[in-house]
Amino acid sequence: MNSQIRSEQQDNPRVKRSRRRSMDERIALTEITRASVERAKREGKMKMIGKRRMYYDPAE
C-alpha cells in the first residue's frame, strides 16, 4: 500500500494553494498559533531547550 501511495505522489507534484490568504486571515492564524504556544508553555507541555529550540511533549 505504501509503495502505491508513493508512486501516485511521484506522478502528481504537491498541490499548491490556489488562493492567497487575506491579511485578516494571516493575522488571525498568527494569533491562534501564538495563543496555543503560550498555553502549552503554561501547561508545561512545551519547554525551551535552547535559544531557538523548543521541546513539545503532548503526553504530559
Protein backbone atom coordinates (compact mmCIF):
# COMPACT_ATOMS: atom_id res chain seq x y z
CA MET A 1 0.00 0.00 0.00
CA ASN A 2 2.80 2.40 0.90
CA SER A 3 4.56 1.81 -2.42
CA GLN A 4 1.31 2.52 -4.26
CA ILE A 5 0.87 5.82 -2.39
CA ARG A 6 4.49 6.81 -3.10
CA SER A 7 4.16 6.04 -6.79
CA GLU A 8 0.99 8.13 -7.02
CA GLN A 9 2.70 11.02 -5.22
CA GLN A 10 5.64 10.90 -7.63
CA ASP A 11 3.31 11.19 -10.61
CA ASN A 12 1.49 14.20 -9.17
CA PRO A 13 3.55 17.02 -7.68
CA ARG A 14 2.40 18.71 -4.48
CA VAL A 15 -0.74 20.76 -4.96
CA LYS A 16 -0.18 24.40 -4.13
CA ARG A 17 -2.82 26.66 -2.62
CA SER A 18 -4.97 28.24 -5.28
CA ARG A 19 -5.54 31.48 -3.41
CA ARG A 20 -3.52 33.71 -1.18
CA ARG A 21 -4.62 34.27 2.40
CA SER A 22 -6.00 37.68 3.20
CA MET A 23 -4.23 39.89 5.72
CA ASP A 24 -7.03 39.35 8.24
CA GLU A 25 -6.77 35.58 7.86
CA ARG A 26 -2.98 35.69 8.33
CA ILE A 27 -3.31 37.84 11.45
CA ALA A 28 -5.99 35.55 12.90
CA LEU A 29 -3.92 32.40 12.27
CA THR A 30 -0.86 34.04 13.85
CA GLU A 31 -2.84 34.99 16.98
CA ILE A 32 -4.31 31.48 17.27
CA THR A 33 -0.85 29.90 16.95
CA ARG A 34 0.71 32.24 19.49
CA ALA A 35 -2.10 31.58 21.97
CA SER A 36 -1.73 27.80 21.61
CA VAL A 37 2.05 28.03 22.11
CA GLU A 38 1.64 30.19 25.22
CA ARG A 39 -0.95 27.76 26.61
CA ALA A 40 1.39 24.81 26.00
CA LYS A 41 4.19 26.68 27.80
CA ARG A 42 1.92 27.45 30.78
CA GLU A 43 0.79 23.82 30.99
CA GLY A 44 4.39 22.61 30.84
CA LYS A 45 3.95 20.76 27.56
CA MET A 46 6.43 22.98 25.72
CA LYS A 47 9.88 23.71 27.06
CA MET A 48 12.69 25.86 25.71
CA ILE A 49 15.78 23.68 25.33
CA GLY A 50 17.91 26.32 23.64
CA LYS A 51 17.79 29.89 22.49
CA ARG A 52 15.75 28.99 19.40
CA ARG A 53 14.78 25.35 20.09
CA MET A 54 11.67 24.01 21.78
CA TYR A 55 10.60 20.61 23.01
CA TYR A 56 6.89 19.75 22.84
CA ASP A 57 5.60 16.76 24.78
CA PRO A 58 1.85 16.25 24.23
CA ALA A 59 1.80 13.29 26.65
CA GLU A 60 2.32 15.35 29.82
